[in-house]
Structures are given as C-alpha cells and as structure tokens.
PDB file of N, CA and C in Angstrom:
ATOM      1  N   UNK A   1     141.084  69.546  57.253  1.00  0.00           N
ATOM      2  CA  UNK A   1     142.193  70.382  57.668  1.00  0.00           C
ATOM      3  C   UNK A   1     142.714  69.879  59.006  1.00  0.00           C
ATOM      4  N   UNK A   2     144.006  69.888  59.140  1.00  0.00           N
ATOM      5  CA  UNK A   2     144.602  69.501  60.407  1.00  0.00           C
ATOM      6  C   UNK A   2     144.807  70.736  61.282  1.00  0.00           C
ATOM      7  N   UNK A   3     144.985  70.480  62.561  1.00  0.00           N
ATOM      8  CA  UNK A   3     145.260  71.570  63.490  1.00  0.00           C
ATOM      9  C   UNK A   3     146.557  72.282  63.091  1.00  0.00           C
ATOM     10  N   UNK A   4     147.565  71.499  62.716  1.00  0.00           N
ATOM     11  CA  UNK A   4     148.851  72.082  62.339  1.00  0.00           C
ATOM     12  C   UNK A   4     148.716  72.988  61.115  1.00  0.00           C
ATOM     13  N   UNK A   5     147.939  72.567  60.133  1.00  0.00           N
ATOM     14  CA  UNK A   5     147.740  73.374  58.925  1.00  0.00           C
ATOM     15  C   UNK A   5     146.989  74.659  59.262  1.00  0.00           C
ATOM     16  N   UNK A   6     145.968  74.550  60.094  1.00  0.00           N
ATOM     17  CA  UNK A   6     145.198  75.734  60.493  1.00  0.00           C
ATOM     18  C   UNK A   6     146.078  76.705  61.270  1.00  0.00           C
ATOM     19  N   UNK A   7     146.884  76.177  62.154  1.00  0.00           N
ATOM     20  CA  UNK A   7     147.775  77.010  62.953  1.00  0.00           C
ATOM     21  C   UNK A   7     148.818  77.707  62.067  1.00  0.00           C
ATOM     22  N   UNK A   8     149.352  76.984  61.100  1.00  0.00           N
ATOM     23  CA  UNK A   8     150.344  77.563  60.195  1.00  0.00           C
ATOM     24  C   UNK A   8     149.717  78.671  59.346  1.00  0.00           C
ATOM     25  N   UNK A   9     148.502  78.432  58.854  1.00  0.00           N
ATOM     26  CA  UNK A   9     147.829  79.463  58.057  1.00  0.00           C
ATOM     27  C   UNK A   9     147.533  80.688  58.909  1.00  0.00           C
ATOM     28  N   UNK A  10     147.116  80.455  60.132  1.00  0.00           N
ATOM     29  CA  UNK A  10     146.847  81.565  61.043  1.00  0.00           C
ATOM     30  C   UNK A  10     148.119  82.367  61.312  1.00  0.00           C
ATOM     31  N   UNK A  11     149.229  81.680  61.523  1.00  0.00           N
ATOM     32  CA  UNK A  11     150.508  82.374  61.723  1.00  0.00           C
ATOM     33  C   UNK A  11     150.864  83.232  60.512  1.00  0.00           C
ATOM     34  N   UNK A  12     150.625  82.708  59.316  1.00  0.00           N
ATOM     35  CA  UNK A  12     150.924  83.453  58.094  1.00  0.00           C
ATOM     36  C   UNK A  12     150.043  84.698  57.983  1.00  0.00           C
ATOM     37  N   UNK A  13     148.774  84.546  58.313  1.00  0.00           N
ATOM     38  CA  UNK A  13     147.859  85.693  58.263  1.00  0.00           C
ATOM     39  C   UNK A  13     148.291  86.756  59.270  1.00  0.00           C
ATOM     40  N   UNK A  14     148.623  86.326  60.478  1.00  0.00           N
ATOM     41  CA  UNK A  14     149.051  87.290  61.499  1.00  0.00           C
ATOM     42  C   UNK A  14     150.321  88.016  61.087  1.00  0.00           C
ATOM     43  N   UNK A  15     151.263  87.291  60.490  1.00  0.00           N
ATOM     44  CA  UNK A  15     152.493  87.929  60.025  1.00  0.00           C
ATOM     45  C   UNK A  15     152.178  88.967  58.942  1.00  0.00           C
ATOM     46  N   UNK A  16     151.253  88.605  58.051  1.00  0.00           N
ATOM     47  CA  UNK A  16     150.858  89.537  56.992  1.00  0.00           C
ATOM     48  C   UNK A  16     150.197  90.785  57.575  1.00  0.00           C
ATOM     49  N   UNK A  17     149.305  90.588  58.546  1.00  0.00           N
ATOM     50  CA  UNK A  17     148.598  91.716  59.142  1.00  0.00           C
ATOM     51  C   UNK A  17     149.533  92.641  59.905  1.00  0.00           C
ATOM     52  N   UNK A  18     150.584  92.084  60.454  1.00  0.00           N
ATOM     53  CA  UNK A  18     151.543  92.891  61.229  1.00  0.00           C
ATOM     54  C   UNK A  18     152.577  93.594  60.348  1.00  0.00           C
ATOM     55  N   UNK A  19     152.653  93.181  59.105  1.00  0.00           N
ATOM     56  CA  UNK A  19     153.691  93.720  58.230  1.00  0.00           C
ATOM     57  C   UNK A  19     153.170  94.895  57.407  1.00  0.00           C
ATOM     58  N   UNK A  20     154.082  95.448  56.648  1.00  0.00           N
ATOM     59  CA  UNK A  20     153.720  96.537  55.736  1.00  0.00           C
ATOM     60  C   UNK A  20     153.022  96.004  54.485  1.00  0.00           C
ATOM     61  N   UNK A  21     152.982  94.679  54.324  1.00  0.00           N
ATOM     62  CA  UNK A  21     152.357  94.072  53.147  1.00  0.00           C
ATOM     63  C   UNK A  21     150.842  94.022  53.270  1.00  0.00           C
ATOM     64  N   UNK A  22     150.308  94.344  54.400  1.00  0.00           N
ATOM     65  CA  UNK A  22     148.865  94.250  54.626  1.00  0.00           C
ATOM     66  C   UNK A  22     148.135  95.278  53.762  1.00  0.00           C
ATOM     67  N   UNK A  23     147.317  94.768  52.885  1.00  0.00           N
ATOM     68  CA  UNK A  23     146.554  95.603  51.958  1.00  0.00           C
ATOM     69  C   UNK A  23     145.187  95.883  52.567  1.00  0.00           C
ATOM     70  N   UNK A  24     144.808  97.117  52.636  1.00  0.00           N
ATOM     71  CA  UNK A  24     143.528  97.511  53.231  1.00  0.00           C
ATOM     72  C   UNK A  24     142.354  96.847  52.510  1.00  0.00           C
ATOM     73  N   UNK A  25     142.534  96.550  51.223  1.00  0.00           N
ATOM     74  CA  UNK A  25     141.457  95.935  50.447  1.00  0.00           C
ATOM     75  C   UNK A  25     141.211  94.479  50.822  1.00  0.00           C
ATOM     76  N   UNK A  26     142.191  93.840  51.431  1.00  0.00           N
ATOM     77  CA  UNK A  26     142.023  92.439  51.831  1.00  0.00           C
ATOM     78  C   UNK A  26     141.951  92.266  53.347  1.00  0.00           C
ATOM     79  N   UNK A  27     142.023  93.347  54.070  1.00  0.00           N
ATOM     80  CA  UNK A  27     142.040  93.282  55.534  1.00  0.00           C
ATOM     81  C   UNK A  27     140.823  92.556  56.096  1.00  0.00           C
ATOM     82  N   UNK A  28     139.637  92.881  55.612  1.00  0.00           N
ATOM     83  CA  UNK A  28     138.425  92.242  56.127  1.00  0.00           C
ATOM     84  C   UNK A  28     138.422  90.757  55.841  1.00  0.00           C
ATOM     85  N   UNK A  29     138.773  90.372  54.636  1.00  0.00           N
ATOM     86  CA  UNK A  29     138.783  88.950  54.268  1.00  0.00           C
ATOM     87  C   UNK A  29     139.813  88.180  55.086  1.00  0.00           C
ATOM     88  N   UNK A  30     140.987  88.746  55.276  1.00  0.00           N
ATOM     89  CA  UNK A  30     142.037  88.071  56.060  1.00  0.00           C
ATOM     90  C   UNK A  30     141.627  87.956  57.528  1.00  0.00           C
ATOM     91  N   UNK A  31     140.993  89.001  58.049  1.00  0.00           N
ATOM     92  CA  UNK A  31     140.529  88.949  59.435  1.00  0.00           C
ATOM     93  C   UNK A  31     139.435  87.899  59.593  1.00  0.00           C
ATOM     94  N   UNK A  32     138.515  87.845  58.641  1.00  0.00           N
ATOM     95  CA  UNK A  32     137.448  86.842  58.676  1.00  0.00           C
ATOM     96  C   UNK A  32     138.033  85.429  58.660  1.00  0.00           C
ATOM     97  N   UNK A  33     139.017  85.207  57.787  1.00  0.00           N
ATOM     98  CA  UNK A  33     139.649  83.891  57.705  1.00  0.00           C
ATOM     99  C   UNK A  33     140.373  83.564  59.010  1.00  0.00           C
ATOM    100  N   UNK A  34     141.026  84.537  59.599  1.00  0.00           N
ATOM    101  CA  UNK A  34     141.718  84.317  60.869  1.00  0.00           C
ATOM    102  C   UNK A  34     140.730  83.901  61.954  1.00  0.00           C
ATOM    103  N   UNK A  35     139.579  84.526  61.988  1.00  0.00           N
ATOM    104  CA  UNK A  35     138.555  84.168  62.982  1.00  0.00           C
ATOM    105  C   UNK A  35     138.062  82.744  62.743  1.00  0.00           C
ATOM    106  N   UNK A  36     137.852  82.366  61.476  1.00  0.00           N
ATOM    107  CA  UNK A  36     137.441  80.995  61.155  1.00  0.00           C
ATOM    108  C   UNK A  36     138.484  79.988  61.648  1.00  0.00           C
ATOM    109  N   UNK A  37     139.737  80.295  61.409  1.00  0.00           N
ATOM    110  CA  UNK A  37     140.815  79.406  61.839  1.00  0.00           C
ATOM    111  C   UNK A  37     140.897  79.318  63.361  1.00  0.00           C
ATOM    112  N   UNK A  38     140.731  80.448  64.024  1.00  0.00           N
ATOM    113  CA  UNK A  38     140.737  80.443  65.493  1.00  0.00           C
ATOM    114  C   UNK A  38     139.610  79.575  66.049  1.00  0.00           C
ATOM    115  N   UNK A  39     138.430  79.691  65.465  1.00  0.00           N
ATOM    116  CA  UNK A  39     137.301  78.872  65.902  1.00  0.00           C
ATOM    117  C   UNK A  39     137.593  77.391  65.690  1.00  0.00           C
ATOM    118  N   UNK A  40     138.135  77.062  64.529  1.00  0.00           N
ATOM    119  CA  UNK A  40     138.468  75.671  64.236  1.00  0.00           C
ATOM    120  C   UNK A  40     139.488  75.132  65.239  1.00  0.00           C
ATOM    121  N   UNK A  41     140.538  75.898  65.484  1.00  0.00           N
ATOM    122  CA  UNK A  41     141.575  75.463  66.424  1.00  0.00           C
ATOM    123  C   UNK A  41     141.000  75.290  67.829  1.00  0.00           C
ATOM    124  N   UNK A  42     140.150  76.205  68.238  1.00  0.00           N
ATOM    125  CA  UNK A  42     139.528  76.102  69.559  1.00  0.00           C
ATOM    126  C   UNK A  42     138.670  74.834  69.658  1.00  0.00           C
ATOM    127  N   UNK A  43     137.903  74.557  68.609  1.00  0.00           N
ATOM    128  CA  UNK A  43     137.067  73.348  68.603  1.00  0.00           C
ATOM    129  C   UNK A  43     137.912  72.086  68.677  1.00  0.00           C
ATOM    130  N   UNK A  44     139.015  72.049  67.925  1.00  0.00           N
ATOM    131  CA  UNK A  44     139.903  70.881  67.937  1.00  0.00           C
ATOM    132  C   UNK A  44     140.541  70.707  69.321  1.00  0.00           C
ATOM    133  N   UNK A  45     140.969  71.816  69.923  1.00  0.00           N
ATOM    134  CA  UNK A  45     141.577  71.726  71.250  1.00  0.00           C
ATOM    135  C   UNK A  45     140.567  71.239  72.289  1.00  0.00           C
ATOM    136  N   UNK A  46     139.348  71.745  72.216  1.00  0.00           N
ATOM    137  CA  UNK A  46     138.304  71.327  73.148  1.00  0.00           C
ATOM    138  C   UNK A  46     137.974  69.848  72.972  1.00  0.00           C
ATOM    139  N   UNK A  47     137.843  69.413  71.727  1.00  0.00           N
ATOM    140  CA  UNK A  47     137.538  68.011  71.448  1.00  0.00           C
ATOM    141  C   UNK A  47     138.673  67.107  71.925  1.00  0.00           C
ATOM    142  N   UNK A  48     139.891  67.520  71.691  1.00  0.00           N
ATOM    143  CA  UNK A  48     141.039  66.726  72.129  1.00  0.00           C
ATOM    144  C   UNK A  48     141.101  66.665  73.642  1.00  0.00           C
ATOM    145  N   UNK A  49     140.857  67.775  74.296  1.00  0.00           N
ATOM    146  CA  UNK A  49     140.847  67.804  75.761  1.00  0.00           C
ATOM    147  C   UNK A  49     139.797  66.840  76.309  1.00  0.00           C
ATOM    148  N   UNK A  50     138.618  66.857  75.725  1.00  0.00           N
ATOM    149  CA  UNK A  50     137.543  65.969  76.166  1.00  0.00           C
ATOM    150  C   UNK A  50     137.944  64.504  75.980  1.00  0.00           C
ATOM    151  N   UNK A  51     138.484  64.182  74.816  1.00  0.00           N
ATOM    152  CA  UNK A  51     138.908  62.802  74.546  1.00  0.00           C
ATOM    153  C   UNK A  51     139.991  62.355  75.515  1.00  0.00           C
ATOM    154  N   UNK A  52     140.969  63.220  75.738  1.00  0.00           N
ATOM    155  CA  UNK A  52     142.057  62.856  76.650  1.00  0.00           C
ATOM    156  C   UNK A  52     141.559  62.661  78.076  1.00  0.00           C
ATOM    157  N   UNK A  53     140.641  63.501  78.508  1.00  0.00           N
ATOM    158  CA  UNK A  53     140.086  63.336  79.855  1.00  0.00           C
ATOM    159  C   UNK A  53     139.357  62.002  79.985  1.00  0.00           C
ATOM    160  N   UNK A  54     138.620  61.620  78.944  1.00  0.00           N
ATOM    161  CA  UNK A  54     137.919  60.339  78.966  1.00  0.00           C
ATOM    162  C   UNK A  54     138.906  59.171  78.997  1.00  0.00           C
ATOM    163  N   UNK A  55     139.932  59.249  78.171  1.00  0.00           N
ATOM    164  CA  UNK A  55     140.936  58.187  78.133  1.00  0.00           C
ATOM    165  C   UNK A  55     141.658  58.079  79.470  1.00  0.00           C
ATOM    166  N   UNK A  56     142.091  59.206  80.005  1.00  0.00           N
ATOM    167  CA  UNK A  56     142.855  59.198  81.247  1.00  0.00           C
ATOM    168  C   UNK A  56     142.009  58.850  82.465  1.00  0.00           C
ATOM    169  N   UNK A  57     140.719  59.109  82.395  1.00  0.00           N
ATOM    170  CA  UNK A  57     139.864  58.780  83.537  1.00  0.00           C
ATOM    171  C   UNK A  57     139.801  57.276  83.770  1.00  0.00           C
ATOM    172  N   UNK A  58     140.081  56.500  82.751  1.00  0.00           N
ATOM    173  CA  UNK A  58     140.054  55.048  82.921  1.00  0.00           C
ATOM    174  C   UNK A  58     141.286  54.551  83.692  1.00  0.00           C
ATOM    175  N   UNK A  59     142.294  55.409  83.842  1.00  0.00           N
ATOM    176  CA  UNK A  59     143.497  55.014  84.555  1.00  0.00           C
ATOM    177  C   UNK A  59     143.377  55.175  86.068  1.00  0.00           C
ATOM    178  N   UNK A  60     142.573  56.061  86.500  1.00  0.00           N
ATOM    179  CA  UNK A  60     142.454  56.287  87.936  1.00  0.00           C
ATOM    180  C   UNK A  60     141.139  55.687  88.439  1.00  0.00           C
ATOM    181  N   UNK A  61     141.208  55.020  89.584  1.00  0.00           N
ATOM    182  CA  UNK A  61     139.985  54.456  90.136  1.00  0.00           C
ATOM    183  C   UNK A  61     139.046  55.569  90.605  1.00  0.00           C
ATOM    184  N   UNK A  62     137.744  55.349  90.529  1.00  0.00           N
ATOM    185  CA  UNK A  62     136.794  56.356  90.986  1.00  0.00           C
ATOM    186  C   UNK A  62     136.980  56.639  92.473  1.00  0.00           C
ATOM    187  N   UNK A  63     136.786  57.868  92.857  1.00  0.00           N
ATOM    188  CA  UNK A  63     136.893  58.267  94.259  1.00  0.00           C
ATOM    189  C   UNK A  63     135.613  57.891  95.000  1.00  0.00           C
ATOM    190  N   UNK A  64     135.747  57.342  96.220  1.00  0.00           N
ATOM    191  CA  UNK A  64     134.537  56.968  96.993  1.00  0.00           C
ATOM    192  C   UNK A  64     133.802  58.178  97.506  1.00  0.00           C
TER     193      UNK A  64
END
C-alpha cells in the first residue's frame, strides 16, 4: 500500500463517519480500519523523515 492510497482510504472513511451514511453496525470496523491506516501513515512519515535526515546530513559538514 502506498501512503497516498492509505491517505485516500482514510479520507473516505472519515467522510463516511461524518455523514448520515454511517451505519452503527459498521462503526467499529470502520474505526478499527481508520486506526490501522493512521498507524501505517505515521510509520511511513517517520521512516521518510529518518531517511531524509540521513540523506541531507551528508550535505552539511559536521560541526566541530
């Protein structure tokens, strides 16, 4: 799954939860899926941040 796909699915779930279409019978499952997507997105953002910091650190000389 890509970050963009996870984000789009999360947006769709949030729109559903905010609308009148939200069915009480699926509320728990949709909330669970939203939490899974949030965790995935957070992990991807953290990993990307770490990679970018490593890449960019090679551009600046170490401080004495």
